[in-house]
N, C-alpha and C. Protein backbone atom coordinates (compact mmCIF):
# COMPACT_ATOMS: atom_id res chain seq x y z
N UNK A 1 66.86 123.42 115.37
CA UNK A 1 67.66 122.78 114.17
C UNK A 1 68.98 122.08 113.36
N UNK A 2 68.83 121.26 113.30
CA UNK A 2 70.39 120.80 112.89
C UNK A 2 70.60 120.79 111.76
N UNK A 3 71.65 121.48 111.09
CA UNK A 3 72.33 122.04 109.99
C UNK A 3 73.03 120.88 109.59
N UNK A 4 72.89 119.86 108.66
CA UNK A 4 73.48 119.27 108.00
C UNK A 4 74.41 119.40 106.58
N UNK A 5 75.44 119.28 106.31
CA UNK A 5 76.08 119.23 105.03
C UNK A 5 76.42 117.85 104.47
N UNK A 6 76.26 117.44 103.61
CA UNK A 6 76.52 116.14 102.80
C UNK A 6 77.56 116.39 102.28
N UNK A 7 78.65 115.17 102.38
CA UNK A 7 80.02 115.55 101.41
C UNK A 7 79.95 113.74 101.38
N UNK A 8 80.18 113.84 99.62
CA UNK A 8 79.85 112.18 99.17
C UNK A 8 80.52 112.51 96.93
N UNK A 9 80.98 111.50 97.21
CA UNK A 9 81.60 112.43 95.74
C UNK A 9 79.49 111.43 94.42
N UNK A 10 79.15 110.41 95.01
CA UNK A 10 78.39 109.85 93.97
C UNK A 10 76.88 110.27 94.67
N UNK A 11 76.52 111.08 93.22
CA UNK A 11 75.49 111.64 93.62
C UNK A 11 73.59 111.21 94.13
N UNK A 12 74.40 109.91 94.27
CA UNK A 12 72.94 109.53 93.97
C UNK A 12 72.96 109.07 95.46
N UNK A 13 74.01 109.08 96.26
CA UNK A 13 74.26 109.12 97.54
C UNK A 13 74.16 110.45 97.98
N UNK A 14 74.22 111.66 97.65
CA UNK A 14 74.13 112.91 98.33
C UNK A 14 72.26 113.07 98.28
N UNK A 15 72.02 112.69 97.11
CA UNK A 15 70.18 112.62 96.80
C UNK A 15 69.47 111.96 98.07
N UNK A 16 70.01 110.52 98.20
CA UNK A 16 69.35 109.66 98.76
C UNK A 16 69.43 110.34 100.40
N UNK A 17 70.49 110.61 101.05
CA UNK A 17 70.83 110.66 102.59
C UNK A 17 69.91 112.75 102.30
N UNK A 18 69.83 113.13 101.22
CA UNK A 18 68.99 114.61 101.63
C UNK A 18 67.80 114.49 102.11
N UNK A 19 67.05 113.28 100.87
CA UNK A 19 65.88 112.96 101.00
C UNK A 19 65.33 112.60 102.24
N UNK A 20 66.75 111.59 102.84
CA UNK A 20 66.17 111.05 104.10
C UNK A 20 65.74 111.55 105.26
N UNK A 21 67.14 112.80 105.13
CA UNK A 21 67.04 113.37 106.30
C UNK A 21 66.34 114.30 106.02
N UNK A 22 65.90 115.06 104.93
CA UNK A 22 64.82 116.11 104.78
C UNK A 22 63.75 116.17 105.23
N UNK A 23 63.38 114.77 105.34
CA UNK A 23 61.48 114.48 106.26
C UNK A 23 61.82 114.57 107.39
N UNK A 24 62.92 114.59 108.22
CA UNK A 24 63.45 114.93 109.34
C UNK A 24 62.77 115.89 109.97
N UNK A 25 61.72 115.91 111.25
CA UNK A 25 61.32 117.10 111.75
C UNK A 25 62.29 118.19 112.29
N UNK A 26 63.64 117.63 112.85
CA UNK A 26 64.44 118.75 113.72
C UNK A 26 65.83 118.51 112.56
N UNK A 27 66.12 118.34 111.58
CA UNK A 27 67.22 118.22 110.79
C UNK A 27 66.97 119.14 109.53
N UNK A 28 67.86 119.52 109.06
CA UNK A 28 67.89 120.54 107.53
C UNK A 28 68.64 119.99 106.94
N UNK A 29 68.75 119.61 105.22
CA UNK A 29 70.01 119.85 104.81
C UNK A 29 70.38 121.06 104.31
N UNK A 30 71.12 120.84 104.28
CA UNK A 30 72.06 122.97 104.88
C UNK A 30 72.52 122.92 103.23
N UNK A 31 73.18 121.36 102.37
CA UNK A 31 73.93 121.65 101.40
C UNK A 31 74.95 120.70 101.13
N UNK A 32 75.20 120.03 100.04
CA UNK A 32 75.89 118.74 99.77
C UNK A 32 77.51 119.50 99.41
N UNK A 33 78.19 118.34 98.98
CA UNK A 33 79.58 118.46 98.29
C UNK A 33 80.07 117.34 97.63
N UNK A 34 80.91 117.93 96.83
CA UNK A 34 81.08 116.48 96.06
C UNK A 34 82.04 116.01 96.40
N UNK A 35 83.44 116.55 96.95
CA UNK A 35 84.41 116.20 96.94
C UNK A 35 84.94 116.46 98.24
N UNK A 36 86.06 116.52 98.80
CA UNK A 36 86.59 116.59 100.32
C UNK A 36 86.69 118.78 100.46
N UNK A 37 87.53 118.80 99.05
CA UNK A 37 87.31 120.36 99.08
C UNK A 37 86.22 120.84 99.44
N UNK A 38 85.30 120.82 97.93
CA UNK A 38 83.90 121.47 98.54
C UNK A 38 83.44 121.31 99.77
N UNK A 39 83.99 120.41 100.54
CA UNK A 39 83.36 120.15 102.04
C UNK A 39 83.62 120.66 102.88
N UNK A 40 84.94 121.40 102.82
CA UNK A 40 85.30 122.76 103.49
C UNK A 40 85.29 123.60 103.14
N UNK A 41 85.16 123.98 100.96
CA UNK A 41 84.63 124.95 101.23
C UNK A 41 83.10 125.43 101.90
N UNK A 42 82.37 124.48 101.86
CA UNK A 42 80.98 124.84 102.17
C UNK A 42 80.30 124.93 103.54
N UNK A 43 81.58 124.02 104.36
CA UNK A 43 81.22 124.15 105.92
C UNK A 43 81.88 125.55 106.40
N UNK A 44 82.51 126.14 105.29
CA UNK A 44 83.30 127.38 106.22
C UNK A 44 81.70 128.74 105.66
N UNK A 45 81.55 128.15 104.53
CA UNK A 45 80.16 129.32 103.99
C UNK A 45 79.02 128.94 104.68
N UNK A 46 78.64 127.84 104.64
CA UNK A 46 77.24 127.41 105.26
C UNK A 46 77.14 127.26 106.52
N UNK A 47 78.41 126.84 107.30
CA UNK A 47 78.36 127.04 108.33
C UNK A 47 77.50 125.65 109.76
N UNK A 48 77.87 124.67 109.14
CA UNK A 48 76.63 123.73 109.61
C UNK A 48 76.61 123.06 110.81
N UNK A 49 76.03 122.06 111.08
CA UNK A 49 76.03 121.71 112.91
C UNK A 49 76.78 120.38 112.76
N UNK A 50 76.80 120.05 111.89
CA UNK A 50 77.21 118.53 111.19
C UNK A 50 77.47 118.05 110.06
N UNK A 51 78.96 117.76 109.72
CA UNK A 51 79.02 117.41 108.18
C UNK A 51 78.91 116.08 108.01
N UNK A 52 78.20 115.18 106.93
CA UNK A 52 78.66 113.68 107.06
C UNK A 52 79.29 113.67 106.25
N UNK A 53 80.78 113.25 106.15
CA UNK A 53 81.59 112.80 104.95
C UNK A 53 81.82 111.54 105.11
N UNK A 54 81.99 111.94 103.65
CA UNK A 54 82.51 110.39 103.45
C UNK A 54 84.18 110.02 103.33
N UNK A 55 84.45 109.28 103.02
CA UNK A 55 85.81 109.17 102.81
C UNK A 55 86.86 108.98 102.00
N UNK A 56 86.38 108.26 100.86
CA UNK A 56 86.95 108.47 99.73
C UNK A 56 86.60 109.19 98.97
N UNK A 57 86.80 110.78 98.28
CA UNK A 57 86.23 110.79 97.35
C UNK A 57 87.86 111.97 96.53
N UNK A 58 87.89 111.95 95.32
CA UNK A 58 88.53 112.83 94.54
C UNK A 58 89.03 114.15 95.47
N UNK A 59 90.01 114.67 94.81
CA UNK A 59 90.48 116.04 94.64
C UNK A 59 91.22 115.91 96.87
N UNK A 60 90.11 115.99 97.78
CA UNK A 60 90.86 115.66 98.59
C UNK A 60 90.34 114.73 99.80
N UNK A 61 90.09 113.60 100.23
CA UNK A 61 90.18 112.80 100.72
C UNK A 61 89.12 113.18 102.30
N UNK A 62 87.81 112.57 102.62
CA UNK A 62 87.19 112.44 103.93
C UNK A 62 88.19 113.07 105.07
N UNK A 63 89.06 112.24 105.07
CA UNK A 63 90.73 112.92 106.23
C UNK A 63 91.02 113.98 105.95
N UNK A 64 91.63 114.22 105.08
CA UNK A 64 92.20 115.82 104.57
C UNK A 64 90.92 117.09 105.32
N UNK A 65 89.66 116.69 104.25
CA UNK A 65 88.84 117.42 104.86
C UNK A 65 88.39 117.06 106.27
N UNK A 66 87.97 116.47 107.22
CA UNK A 66 88.16 116.69 108.71
C UNK A 66 89.03 117.10 109.09
N UNK A 67 90.11 117.15 109.00
CA UNK A 67 91.08 117.52 109.65
C UNK A 67 90.66 118.93 109.57
N UNK A 68 90.69 119.88 108.37
CA UNK A 68 91.03 120.94 107.80
C UNK A 68 89.16 121.82 108.63
N UNK A 69 87.69 120.95 108.22
CA UNK A 69 87.31 121.41 108.91
C UNK A 69 86.78 121.42 110.30
N UNK A 70 87.90 120.81 111.02
CA UNK A 70 87.84 120.75 112.56
C UNK A 70 88.58 121.86 112.95
N UNK A 71 89.75 122.33 112.01
CA UNK A 71 90.73 123.23 112.88
C UNK A 71 89.79 124.34 112.86
N UNK A 72 88.82 124.76 112.34
CA UNK A 72 88.05 125.67 111.79
C UNK A 72 88.12 126.51 113.31
N UNK A 73 87.60 127.45 114.21
CA UNK A 73 87.00 127.99 114.69
C UNK A 73 85.61 127.91 114.57
N UNK A 74 84.91 127.56 116.51
CA UNK A 74 83.85 127.04 116.35
C UNK A 74 83.14 125.70 114.76
N UNK A 75 83.70 125.21 114.51
CA UNK A 75 83.60 123.82 113.61
C UNK A 75 82.65 122.71 114.06
N UNK A 76 82.10 122.07 112.97
CA UNK A 76 80.89 121.58 113.40
C UNK A 76 81.29 119.96 113.35
N UNK A 77 80.98 119.17 114.11
CA UNK A 77 80.71 117.34 114.43
C UNK A 77 80.87 117.08 113.27
N UNK A 78 81.85 116.08 112.91
CA UNK A 78 82.07 115.33 111.25
C UNK A 78 81.63 113.88 111.77
N UNK A 79 80.84 113.42 111.14
CA UNK A 79 80.19 112.26 111.18
C UNK A 79 80.61 111.67 109.88
N UNK A 80 81.64 110.37 110.04
CA UNK A 80 81.97 109.86 108.74
C UNK A 80 81.45 108.82 108.62
N UNK A 81 81.51 108.62 107.33
CA UNK A 81 80.60 107.96 106.08
C UNK A 81 81.42 107.00 106.24
N UNK A 82 81.43 105.50 105.94
CA UNK A 82 82.65 104.32 106.24
C UNK A 82 82.05 103.29 105.26
N UNK A 83 81.99 102.45 104.41
CA UNK A 83 81.49 101.44 104.15
C UNK A 83 82.30 100.07 104.60
N UNK A 84 83.08 100.46 105.93
CA UNK A 84 83.81 99.30 107.23
C UNK A 84 85.11 98.08 106.20
N UNK A 85 84.08 97.96 105.90
CA UNK A 85 85.96 96.53 105.17
C UNK A 85 86.40 97.02 104.42
N UNK A 86 85.94 98.56 103.30
CA UNK A 86 87.00 99.19 102.58
C UNK A 86 87.71 100.22 102.46
N UNK A 87 87.56 100.71 104.33
CA UNK A 87 87.95 102.14 104.31
C UNK A 87 89.43 102.04 105.20
N UNK A 88 90.78 101.71 104.76
CA UNK A 88 91.33 101.04 105.55
C UNK A 88 92.28 102.23 106.23
N UNK A 89 91.57 103.73 106.67
CA UNK A 89 91.95 105.20 106.90
C UNK A 89 91.31 105.47 107.73
N UNK A 90 90.07 104.80 108.49
CA UNK A 90 89.52 105.53 109.09
C UNK A 90 89.83 105.59 110.22
N UNK A 91 90.65 105.35 110.99
CA UNK A 91 91.18 105.46 112.40
C UNK A 91 91.77 106.40 111.93
N UNK A 92 92.27 107.19 110.84
CA UNK A 92 92.68 108.21 110.78
C UNK A 92 91.91 109.59 110.79
N UNK A 93 90.78 108.83 110.64
CA UNK A 93 89.15 110.26 110.87
C UNK A 93 89.60 110.53 112.38
N UNK A 94 89.34 109.50 113.07
CA UNK A 94 89.23 109.91 114.13
C UNK A 94 90.34 110.45 114.83
N UNK A 95 91.89 110.47 114.55
CA UNK A 95 92.83 111.31 115.00
C UNK A 95 92.71 112.88 114.06
N UNK A 96 91.55 113.02 112.76
CA UNK A 96 91.66 114.12 112.27
C UNK A 96 90.38 114.85 113.64
N UNK A 97 89.36 113.96 114.47
CA UNK A 97 88.57 115.41 114.78
C UNK A 97 87.47 114.48 114.70
N UNK A 98 87.10 113.32 113.66
CA UNK A 98 85.74 112.98 113.48
C UNK A 98 85.66 112.63 114.54
N UNK A 99 83.53 112.78 114.81
CA UNK A 99 82.65 112.80 116.51
C UNK A 99 82.21 111.03 116.40
N UNK A 100 83.06 110.10 114.99
CA UNK A 100 81.93 108.91 114.98
C UNK A 100 81.65 108.67 113.87
N UNK A 101 81.75 107.19 113.72
CA UNK A 101 81.38 106.56 112.62
C UNK A 101 79.77 106.58 112.25
N UNK A 102 79.56 106.01 110.52
CA UNK A 102 78.14 106.17 110.44
C UNK A 102 78.37 104.69 108.58
N UNK A 103 77.96 103.86 109.23
CA UNK A 103 77.64 102.70 108.17
C UNK A 103 77.16 103.37 106.80
N UNK A 104 77.82 103.06 105.60
CA UNK A 104 76.40 103.79 104.35
C UNK A 104 75.44 102.97 104.27
N UNK A 105 75.33 101.69 104.84
CA UNK A 105 74.22 100.77 104.31
C UNK A 105 73.20 101.25 105.79
N UNK A 106 73.29 101.56 106.49
CA UNK A 106 72.69 101.90 107.99
C UNK A 106 71.12 102.53 107.87
N UNK A 107 70.34 101.67 108.15
CA UNK A 107 68.91 102.50 108.01
C UNK A 107 68.97 103.52 108.65
N UNK A 108 67.51 104.33 107.69
CA UNK A 108 67.30 105.61 107.81
C UNK A 108 66.98 105.96 109.15
N UNK A 109 66.46 105.43 110.24
CA UNK A 109 66.15 106.30 111.76
C UNK A 109 67.39 105.99 111.93
N UNK A 110 68.60 105.15 111.99
CA UNK A 110 69.57 104.96 112.45
C UNK A 110 70.96 106.71 112.39
N UNK A 111 70.69 106.69 111.09
CA UNK A 111 71.55 108.28 110.10
C UNK A 111 70.79 109.08 111.36
N UNK A 112 69.50 109.07 111.24
CA UNK A 112 68.87 110.00 111.38
C UNK A 112 69.67 110.99 113.05
N UNK A 113 69.38 109.48 113.64
CA UNK A 113 70.42 109.22 115.30
C UNK A 113 71.24 109.72 115.43
N UNK A 114 72.14 108.88 114.42
CA UNK A 114 73.63 109.71 114.51
C UNK A 114 74.10 110.81 114.70
N UNK A 115 73.16 111.47 113.64
CA UNK A 115 73.20 112.77 113.54
C UNK A 115 72.63 113.82 114.59
N UNK A 116 71.55 113.39 115.50
CA UNK A 116 71.33 113.86 116.40
C UNK A 116 72.98 113.58 117.42
N UNK A 117 73.04 112.43 117.50
CA UNK A 117 73.88 112.08 118.59
C UNK A 117 75.35 112.67 118.40
N UNK A 118 75.68 113.00 117.44
CA UNK A 118 76.72 113.72 116.91
C UNK A 118 76.77 115.75 117.12
N UNK A 119 75.57 115.87 117.21
CA UNK A 119 74.73 117.45 116.97
C UNK A 119 75.34 117.80 118.62
N UNK A 120 74.45 116.58 119.23
CA UNK A 120 74.82 116.77 120.99
C UNK A 120 76.14 117.63 121.51
N UNK A 121 77.07 116.82 120.20
CA UNK A 121 78.28 116.65 121.53
C UNK A 121 78.43 115.91 121.81
N UNK A 122 78.07 114.37 121.51
CA UNK A 122 78.76 112.77 121.65
C UNK A 122 78.75 112.69 120.79
N UNK A 123 79.65 111.22 121.24
CA UNK A 123 80.36 110.52 120.36
C UNK A 123 79.77 109.46 119.91
N UNK A 124 80.02 109.19 118.77
CA UNK A 124 79.07 107.72 118.57
C UNK A 124 80.20 106.71 118.62
N UNK A 125 79.93 106.30 119.24
CA UNK A 125 80.72 104.64 119.17
C UNK A 125 80.06 103.54 119.64
N UNK A 126 79.58 103.23 119.17
CA UNK A 126 78.71 101.84 118.69
C UNK A 126 80.23 100.60 118.77
N UNK A 127 79.67 100.07 120.01
CA UNK A 127 80.96 99.06 120.03
C UNK A 127 80.76 98.00 118.75
N UNK A 128 80.17 97.84 118.32
CA UNK A 128 79.94 96.72 116.85
C UNK A 128 80.36 97.60 115.56
N UNK A 129 80.78 99.14 115.55
CA UNK A 129 81.29 99.52 114.21
C UNK A 129 83.12 100.29 115.27
N UNK A 130 82.82 100.94 115.50
CA UNK A 130 84.16 102.18 116.13
C UNK A 130 85.41 101.23 116.50
N UNK A 131 84.85 100.40 117.71
CA UNK A 131 85.74 99.52 118.59
C UNK A 131 86.06 98.82 117.50
N UNK A 132 85.27 97.81 116.64
CA UNK A 132 86.46 96.81 115.56
C UNK A 132 87.00 97.44 115.03
N UNK A 133 86.68 98.80 114.71
CA UNK A 133 87.09 99.27 113.36
C UNK A 133 88.83 99.73 114.12
N UNK A 134 88.54 100.27 115.12
CA UNK A 134 89.91 100.64 115.93
C UNK A 134 91.22 99.20 116.09
N UNK A 135 90.35 98.75 116.97
CA UNK A 135 90.76 97.01 116.91
C UNK A 135 91.91 96.60 115.50
N UNK A 136 90.89 96.40 114.24
CA UNK A 136 91.21 96.49 113.37
C UNK A 136 92.85 97.06 112.30
N UNK A 137 92.56 98.40 112.25
CA UNK A 137 93.53 99.19 111.52
C UNK A 137 94.44 99.51 112.49
N UNK A 138 94.62 99.56 114.63
CA UNK A 138 95.62 100.16 115.42
C UNK A 138 96.25 98.75 116.15
N UNK A 139 97.82 98.96 116.04
CA UNK A 139 98.15 98.02 116.58
C UNK A 139 99.05 98.87 117.06
N UNK A 140 99.31 98.90 118.29
CA UNK A 140 100.84 99.50 119.37
C UNK A 140 101.07 98.63 120.24
N UNK A 141 102.51 99.23 120.21
CA UNK A 141 103.07 98.56 121.74
C UNK A 141 102.44 99.54 122.76
N UNK A 142 102.44 98.82 123.57
CA UNK A 142 102.01 98.80 125.56
C UNK A 142 103.01 100.75 125.81
N UNK A 143 101.99 101.14 125.98
CA UNK A 143 102.48 102.85 125.94
C UNK A 143 102.84 103.36 127.23
N UNK A 144 102.79 105.01 127.51
CA UNK A 144 103.33 105.43 128.57
C UNK A 144 103.38 106.61 128.36
N UNK A 145 104.59 107.17 128.91
CA UNK A 145 104.64 108.89 129.14
C UNK A 145 103.73 109.82 130.10
N UNK A 146 103.78 111.11 129.56
CA UNK A 146 103.58 112.43 130.24
C UNK A 146 102.45 112.14 130.58
N UNK A 147 101.41 112.01 130.02
CA UNK A 147 100.25 112.61 129.33
C UNK A 147 99.43 111.45 131.04
N UNK A 148 100.16 109.88 130.74
CA UNK A 148 99.28 109.14 131.06
C UNK A 148 99.77 109.27 132.53
N UNK A 149 100.42 109.32 132.83
CA UNK A 149 101.60 109.57 133.98
C UNK A 149 100.74 110.53 134.59
N UNK A 150 100.23 111.65 134.20
CA UNK A 150 99.35 112.98 135.03
C UNK A 150 97.83 112.33 135.78
N UNK A 151 97.66 111.26 135.85
CA UNK A 151 96.31 110.52 135.92
C UNK A 151 95.75 109.90 136.71
N UNK A 152 95.50 109.60 137.58
CA UNK A 152 94.90 109.22 139.20
C UNK A 152 95.34 107.78 138.53
N UNK A 153 94.98 106.50 139.76
CA UNK A 153 94.47 105.30 139.24
C UNK A 153 92.94 105.75 138.60
N UNK A 154 92.28 106.14 139.22
CA UNK A 154 91.30 105.97 138.95
C UNK A 154 90.49 106.67 137.66
N UNK A 155 91.20 107.64 137.52
CA UNK A 155 90.82 108.12 136.01
C UNK A 155 91.22 106.92 135.52
N UNK A 156 92.49 106.53 135.38
CA UNK A 156 92.77 105.42 134.38
C UNK A 156 91.98 104.52 134.36
N UNK A 157 91.47 104.08 135.20
CA UNK A 157 90.70 102.80 135.44
C UNK A 157 89.43 103.48 134.38
N UNK A 158 88.24 104.70 134.58
CA UNK A 158 88.04 105.37 133.61
C UNK A 158 88.33 104.76 132.43
N UNK A 159 88.78 105.56 132.52
CA UNK A 159 90.18 105.76 130.75
C UNK A 159 90.16 104.41 130.22
N UNK A 160 90.47 103.46 130.97
CA UNK A 160 90.34 101.84 130.55
C UNK A 160 89.14 101.62 129.45
N UNK A 161 88.28 101.31 130.34
CA UNK A 161 86.87 101.52 130.46
C UNK A 161 86.10 101.71 129.42
N UNK A 162 86.11 103.30 129.33
CA UNK A 162 86.24 104.05 128.07
C UNK A 162 86.78 103.83 126.72
N UNK A 163 87.92 103.31 126.84
CA UNK A 163 88.33 102.90 125.44
C UNK A 163 88.03 101.42 124.97
N UNK A 164 87.36 100.41 126.30
CA UNK A 164 86.43 99.51 125.93
C UNK A 164 84.93 99.68 125.49
N UNK A 165 84.92 100.71 125.03
CA UNK A 165 83.83 101.21 124.41
C UNK A 165 82.28 100.82 125.59
N UNK A 166 82.35 101.23 126.80
CA UNK A 166 81.71 101.12 127.90
C UNK A 166 80.86 102.93 127.54
N UNK A 167 80.19 102.92 128.34
CA UNK A 167 78.83 103.91 128.03
C UNK A 167 79.02 104.30 129.68
N UNK A 168 78.79 105.73 130.04
CA UNK A 168 78.93 106.33 131.74
C UNK A 168 78.37 105.26 132.48
N UNK A 169 76.82 105.10 131.78
CA UNK A 169 76.36 104.10 133.01
C UNK A 169 77.13 102.45 133.23
N UNK A 170 77.79 101.81 132.27
CA UNK A 170 78.18 100.75 132.16
C UNK A 170 79.43 100.74 132.94
N UNK A 171 80.42 102.36 133.25
CA UNK A 171 81.51 101.94 133.84
C UNK A 171 81.00 102.56 135.71
N UNK A 172 80.09 102.78 135.20
CA UNK A 172 79.56 103.13 137.01
C UNK A 172 78.54 101.93 137.79
N UNK A 173 78.56 101.33 137.18
CA UNK A 173 77.69 100.08 138.05
C UNK A 173 79.20 99.63 137.67
N UNK A 174 80.47 99.16 136.93
CA UNK A 174 81.77 98.20 137.27
C UNK A 174 82.13 98.74 138.31
N UNK A 175 82.72 99.99 138.47
CA UNK A 175 83.05 100.46 139.33
C UNK A 175 82.35 100.98 140.62
N UNK A 176 81.43 100.79 141.11
CA UNK A 176 80.17 101.09 141.62
C UNK A 176 80.75 102.77 142.23
N UNK A 177 79.89 103.30 141.24
CA UNK A 177 80.27 104.85 141.12
C UNK A 177 78.91 105.34 141.06
N UNK A 178 78.93 106.55 141.00
CA UNK A 178 77.55 107.12 140.41
C UNK A 178 78.13 107.74 138.96
N UNK A 179 76.94 107.66 138.09
CA UNK A 179 77.29 108.65 136.73
C UNK A 179 78.23 109.77 136.66
N UNK A 180 77.46 110.33 137.75
CA UNK A 180 78.01 112.00 137.81
C UNK A 180 79.48 112.14 138.09
N UNK A 181 79.93 110.58 138.91
CA UNK A 181 81.19 111.38 139.26
C UNK A 181 82.22 110.00 137.95
N UNK A 182 81.62 109.31 137.42
CA UNK A 182 82.46 108.77 136.10
C UNK A 182 82.56 110.20 135.35
N UNK A 183 81.37 110.48 135.14
CA UNK A 183 81.57 111.77 133.83
C UNK A 183 82.65 113.15 134.65
N UNK A 184 82.63 113.58 135.94
CA UNK A 184 83.37 113.99 136.61
C UNK A 184 85.55 113.40 135.99
N UNK A 185 85.61 112.20 136.48
CA UNK A 185 86.85 111.38 136.35
C UNK A 185 86.97 111.61 134.92
N UNK A 186 86.27 111.47 133.60
CA UNK A 186 86.02 111.41 132.49
C UNK A 186 86.76 113.30 132.02
N UNK A 187 86.01 113.89 132.44
CA UNK A 187 86.01 115.53 132.14
C UNK A 187 87.50 115.17 132.33
N UNK A 188 88.58 115.17 133.59
CA UNK A 188 89.47 115.75 133.91
C UNK A 188 90.10 114.32 133.38
N UNK A 189 90.39 113.59 132.92
CA UNK A 189 91.22 112.36 132.06
C UNK A 189 91.44 113.40 130.28
N UNK A 190 89.92 113.93 129.94
CA UNK A 190 90.20 114.98 128.87
C UNK A 190 90.85 116.54 128.75
N UNK A 191 91.09 116.63 129.96
CA UNK A 191 91.93 117.34 130.10
C UNK A 191 93.10 117.23 131.01
N UNK A 192 94.03 116.26 131.38
CA UNK A 192 94.92 116.05 131.62
C UNK A 192 95.81 115.88 130.64
N UNK A 193 95.53 114.81 129.46
CA UNK A 193 95.64 114.59 128.03
C UNK A 193 95.50 114.83 127.24
N UNK A 194 94.76 116.15 127.15
CA UNK A 194 94.80 117.57 126.25
C UNK A 194 93.84 116.95 124.85
N UNK A 195 92.71 116.13 125.69
CA UNK A 195 91.97 114.95 124.46
C UNK A 195 90.67 115.99 124.31
N UNK A 196 89.88 116.34 123.07
CA UNK A 196 89.35 116.63 123.14
C UNK A 196 87.84 116.29 123.29
N UNK A 197 87.51 114.93 123.33
CA UNK A 197 86.28 113.82 123.52
C UNK A 197 86.68 112.64 123.43
N UNK A 198 85.18 112.29 123.46
CA UNK A 198 85.11 110.69 123.97
C UNK A 198 85.74 110.19 123.37
N UNK A 199 85.55 109.96 121.76
CA UNK A 199 86.49 109.64 120.96
C UNK A 199 87.76 109.80 120.85
N UNK A 200 88.33 111.02 120.91
CA UNK A 200 89.95 110.64 121.01
C UNK A 200 90.08 110.13 122.04
N UNK A 201 89.44 110.07 123.38
CA UNK A 201 89.60 109.04 125.18
C UNK A 201 89.81 107.54 124.14
N UNK A 202 89.51 107.02 123.48
CA UNK A 202 88.85 105.83 122.96
C UNK A 202 90.81 105.86 122.53
N UNK A 203 90.79 106.80 121.29
CA UNK A 203 92.15 106.23 120.65
C UNK A 203 93.67 106.43 121.52
N UNK A 204 93.24 107.60 122.35
CA UNK A 204 94.45 107.63 123.34
C UNK A 204 94.84 106.30 124.44
N UNK A 205 93.24 105.78 124.73
CA UNK A 205 93.56 104.39 125.60
C UNK A 205 94.26 103.34 125.12
N UNK A 206 94.25 102.89 123.64
CA UNK A 206 94.60 102.63 122.23
C UNK A 206 96.57 102.25 122.29
N UNK A 207 96.19 103.89 121.85
CA UNK A 207 98.00 104.39 121.90
C UNK A 207 98.60 104.29 123.41
N UNK A 208 98.09 104.08 124.18
CA UNK A 208 98.66 104.31 125.40
C UNK A 208 99.17 102.66 126.35
N UNK A 209 97.96 102.00 125.18
CA UNK A 209 98.32 100.57 125.84
C UNK A 209 97.78 99.93 127.01
N UNK A 210 96.57 101.09 127.35
CA UNK A 210 95.68 100.33 128.34
C UNK A 210 94.24 99.13 127.90
N UNK A 211 94.51 99.84 126.44
CA UNK A 211 93.62 98.30 125.58
C UNK A 211 94.03 97.79 124.57
N UNK A 212 94.51 96.79 124.42
CA UNK A 212 94.66 96.18 123.00
C UNK A 212 93.66 95.25 122.15
N UNK A 213 94.20 95.41 120.31
CA UNK A 213 93.30 94.81 120.34
C UNK A 213 93.17 93.22 120.58
N UNK A 214 91.45 93.09 120.69
CA UNK A 214 91.03 91.85 120.47
C UNK A 214 90.43 91.96 122.20
N UNK A 215 90.65 92.66 122.65
CA UNK A 215 90.46 92.89 124.61
C UNK A 215 89.64 93.81 125.13
N UNK A 216 89.10 94.65 123.56
CA UNK A 216 87.63 95.48 124.32
C UNK A 216 86.89 95.10 123.99
N UNK A 217 85.66 95.20 124.78
CA UNK A 217 84.32 94.65 125.36
C UNK A 217 84.11 94.25 126.63
């Protein structure tokens, strides 16, 4: 059973998400929170598997709450709730440790599936959401540095394709490798660069200039 904490400052949103997720056979709503500070406290108390985190909340916003939740030992995954066009700080949530994004107007089936995805330890990197979001709010010059220099040429190739939002299967097809080999290369990238997950690898690829805004896809 996947235990979920819902953090949103709108009571109607909390009740709607609770009702929708509560009917899923493999998902249990462990609790709700009306702001970021309460979300951090409830995450410590309830130990959920996933926190659905709104960005704009009083007392403490979702970005800082995500940072604090993810800093805890045995922390839950965080799935950020966003309106996309309005939330200009969601990129910072990625850096704070969020496992992906969920549009507030997403259909119920997609919301439930997103919860299952991040609960399984996978990053939610829908090309129509995360990649476009990063392109819109991230502008960096070509990078470099010791972390990137530690990667082999093949590892850089894999990282570049991850940054473009491609799945392991798609990368394997492009590079003529097996999925297992791609997974091994990605694991080495994460270790060498000190990255926690695939989402962090996407951010790193942009920061290092391997992928530039408008080039993803």
